[in-house]
């Protein structure tokens, strides 16, 4: 059930990232840190931003 919360937060971070071209991590990290431990939340946030940011390399 926690995956639904992760997906909702990640989707809202994607919307913010799409409109402002930055801000995915500031939206995801605080909510993830409330749901899981600090190290795991930071790792997930970094991985997600790396995958999304790699689309800008051309």
N, C-alpha and C. Protein backbone atom coordinates (compact mmCIF):
# COMPACT_ATOMS: atom_id res chain seq x y z
N UNK A 1 0.81 -1.20 0.00
CA UNK A 1 0.00 0.00 0.00
C UNK A 1 0.86 1.26 0.00
N UNK A 2 2.06 1.17 0.52
CA UNK A 2 2.95 2.34 0.54
C UNK A 2 3.38 2.71 -0.88
N UNK A 3 3.34 1.75 -1.79
CA UNK A 3 3.72 2.03 -3.18
C UNK A 3 2.77 3.02 -3.84
N UNK A 4 1.51 2.98 -3.45
CA UNK A 4 0.55 3.95 -4.00
C UNK A 4 0.91 5.37 -3.57
N UNK A 5 1.35 5.51 -2.33
CA UNK A 5 1.78 6.83 -1.85
C UNK A 5 3.04 7.29 -2.58
N UNK A 6 3.98 6.36 -2.79
CA UNK A 6 5.20 6.69 -3.54
C UNK A 6 4.86 7.14 -4.96
N UNK A 7 3.96 6.42 -5.60
CA UNK A 7 3.58 6.77 -6.97
C UNK A 7 2.88 8.12 -7.03
N UNK A 8 2.03 8.42 -6.07
CA UNK A 8 1.33 9.71 -6.05
C UNK A 8 2.31 10.86 -5.85
N UNK A 9 3.25 10.70 -4.94
CA UNK A 9 4.25 11.74 -4.69
C UNK A 9 5.15 11.91 -5.90
N UNK A 10 5.57 10.81 -6.50
CA UNK A 10 6.44 10.87 -7.66
C UNK A 10 5.72 11.53 -8.83
N UNK A 11 4.45 11.23 -8.98
CA UNK A 11 3.68 11.86 -10.07
C UNK A 11 3.56 13.36 -9.85
N UNK A 12 3.27 13.78 -8.63
CA UNK A 12 3.18 15.22 -8.37
C UNK A 12 4.53 15.90 -8.54
N UNK A 13 5.60 15.22 -8.19
CA UNK A 13 6.94 15.77 -8.41
C UNK A 13 7.23 15.89 -9.90
N UNK A 14 6.75 14.94 -10.68
CA UNK A 14 6.91 15.01 -12.13
C UNK A 14 6.16 16.19 -12.73
N UNK A 15 4.99 16.48 -12.20
CA UNK A 15 4.22 17.64 -12.67
C UNK A 15 4.98 18.92 -12.35
N UNK A 16 5.49 19.03 -11.14
CA UNK A 16 6.28 20.21 -10.76
C UNK A 16 7.51 20.32 -11.63
N UNK A 17 8.18 19.21 -11.86
CA UNK A 17 9.38 19.19 -12.69
C UNK A 17 9.05 19.59 -14.12
N UNK A 18 7.93 19.16 -14.63
CA UNK A 18 7.54 19.49 -15.99
C UNK A 18 7.24 20.97 -16.17
N UNK A 19 6.62 21.59 -15.20
CA UNK A 19 6.27 23.00 -15.32
C UNK A 19 7.45 23.92 -15.02
N UNK A 20 8.29 23.56 -14.07
CA UNK A 20 9.35 24.47 -13.64
C UNK A 20 10.74 24.06 -14.10
N UNK A 21 10.90 22.85 -14.61
CA UNK A 21 12.17 22.27 -15.05
C UNK A 21 13.15 22.06 -13.91
N UNK A 22 12.72 22.15 -12.71
CA UNK A 22 13.48 21.75 -11.53
C UNK A 22 12.48 21.52 -10.41
N UNK A 23 12.90 20.94 -9.33
CA UNK A 23 12.03 20.83 -8.18
C UNK A 23 11.46 19.45 -7.92
N UNK A 24 11.97 18.43 -8.62
CA UNK A 24 11.48 17.09 -8.34
C UNK A 24 11.90 16.60 -6.97
N UNK A 25 13.17 16.80 -6.65
CA UNK A 25 13.69 16.33 -5.37
C UNK A 25 13.10 17.07 -4.17
N UNK A 26 12.94 18.40 -4.23
CA UNK A 26 12.33 19.08 -3.08
C UNK A 26 10.89 18.66 -2.80
N UNK A 27 10.21 18.13 -3.80
CA UNK A 27 8.86 17.65 -3.58
C UNK A 27 8.88 16.22 -3.03
N UNK A 28 9.74 15.37 -3.62
CA UNK A 28 9.76 13.95 -3.24
C UNK A 28 10.43 13.69 -1.90
N UNK A 29 11.58 14.28 -1.67
CA UNK A 29 12.40 13.93 -0.51
C UNK A 29 11.70 14.09 0.84
N UNK A 30 11.07 15.21 1.13
CA UNK A 30 10.44 15.34 2.45
C UNK A 30 9.33 14.32 2.70
N UNK A 31 8.53 14.05 1.67
CA UNK A 31 7.45 13.08 1.85
C UNK A 31 8.00 11.68 2.00
N UNK A 32 8.99 11.33 1.18
CA UNK A 32 9.62 10.02 1.30
C UNK A 32 10.25 9.82 2.66
N UNK A 33 10.85 10.89 3.21
CA UNK A 33 11.50 10.78 4.51
C UNK A 33 10.50 10.59 5.64
N UNK A 34 9.26 11.02 5.43
CA UNK A 34 8.23 10.75 6.43
C UNK A 34 7.74 9.31 6.35
N UNK A 35 7.83 8.70 5.17
CA UNK A 35 7.32 7.36 4.98
C UNK A 35 8.34 6.27 5.28
N UNK A 36 9.61 6.52 4.94
CA UNK A 36 10.67 5.51 5.13
C UNK A 36 11.89 6.18 5.74
N UNK A 37 12.93 5.40 5.95
CA UNK A 37 14.13 5.95 6.61
C UNK A 37 14.89 6.89 5.68
N UNK A 38 15.77 7.68 6.27
CA UNK A 38 16.47 8.75 5.58
C UNK A 38 17.34 8.25 4.44
N UNK A 39 18.13 7.22 4.67
CA UNK A 39 19.05 6.72 3.65
C UNK A 39 18.32 6.17 2.44
N UNK A 40 17.28 5.40 2.67
CA UNK A 40 16.51 4.83 1.58
C UNK A 40 15.78 5.92 0.80
N UNK A 41 15.22 6.88 1.50
CA UNK A 41 14.50 7.98 0.84
C UNK A 41 15.45 8.80 -0.03
N UNK A 42 16.64 9.08 0.47
CA UNK A 42 17.62 9.83 -0.30
C UNK A 42 18.06 9.05 -1.53
N UNK A 43 18.28 7.75 -1.37
CA UNK A 43 18.69 6.91 -2.49
C UNK A 43 17.62 6.86 -3.58
N UNK A 44 16.38 6.68 -3.19
CA UNK A 44 15.29 6.64 -4.16
C UNK A 44 15.15 7.97 -4.88
N UNK A 45 15.27 9.05 -4.15
CA UNK A 45 15.17 10.38 -4.76
C UNK A 45 16.29 10.62 -5.76
N UNK A 46 17.51 10.25 -5.40
CA UNK A 46 18.64 10.43 -6.31
C UNK A 46 18.50 9.56 -7.55
N UNK A 47 18.07 8.32 -7.39
CA UNK A 47 17.89 7.44 -8.54
C UNK A 47 16.80 7.96 -9.47
N UNK A 48 15.71 8.40 -8.92
CA UNK A 48 14.60 8.91 -9.73
C UNK A 48 15.03 10.16 -10.50
N UNK A 49 15.72 11.05 -9.85
CA UNK A 49 16.16 12.27 -10.53
C UNK A 49 17.24 11.99 -11.58
N UNK A 50 18.07 10.99 -11.35
CA UNK A 50 19.07 10.61 -12.34
C UNK A 50 18.41 10.05 -13.59
N UNK A 51 17.43 9.20 -13.41
CA UNK A 51 16.73 8.61 -14.55
C UNK A 51 15.98 9.68 -15.33
N UNK A 52 15.27 10.54 -14.63
CA UNK A 52 14.51 11.60 -15.31
C UNK A 52 15.45 12.62 -15.94
N UNK A 53 16.53 12.96 -15.26
CA UNK A 53 17.48 13.94 -15.79
C UNK A 53 18.27 13.43 -16.97
N UNK A 54 18.40 12.12 -17.10
CA UNK A 54 19.17 11.58 -18.23
C UNK A 54 18.45 11.81 -19.56
N UNK A 55 17.17 12.11 -19.54
CA UNK A 55 16.45 12.42 -20.77
C UNK A 55 16.91 13.74 -21.38
N UNK A 56 17.54 14.59 -20.59
CA UNK A 56 18.00 15.90 -21.10
C UNK A 56 19.36 15.84 -21.78
N UNK A 57 20.07 14.71 -21.71
CA UNK A 57 21.35 14.56 -22.38
C UNK A 57 21.11 14.24 -23.85
N UNK A 58 21.61 15.08 -24.69
CA UNK A 58 21.46 14.83 -26.13
C UNK A 58 22.77 15.10 -26.82
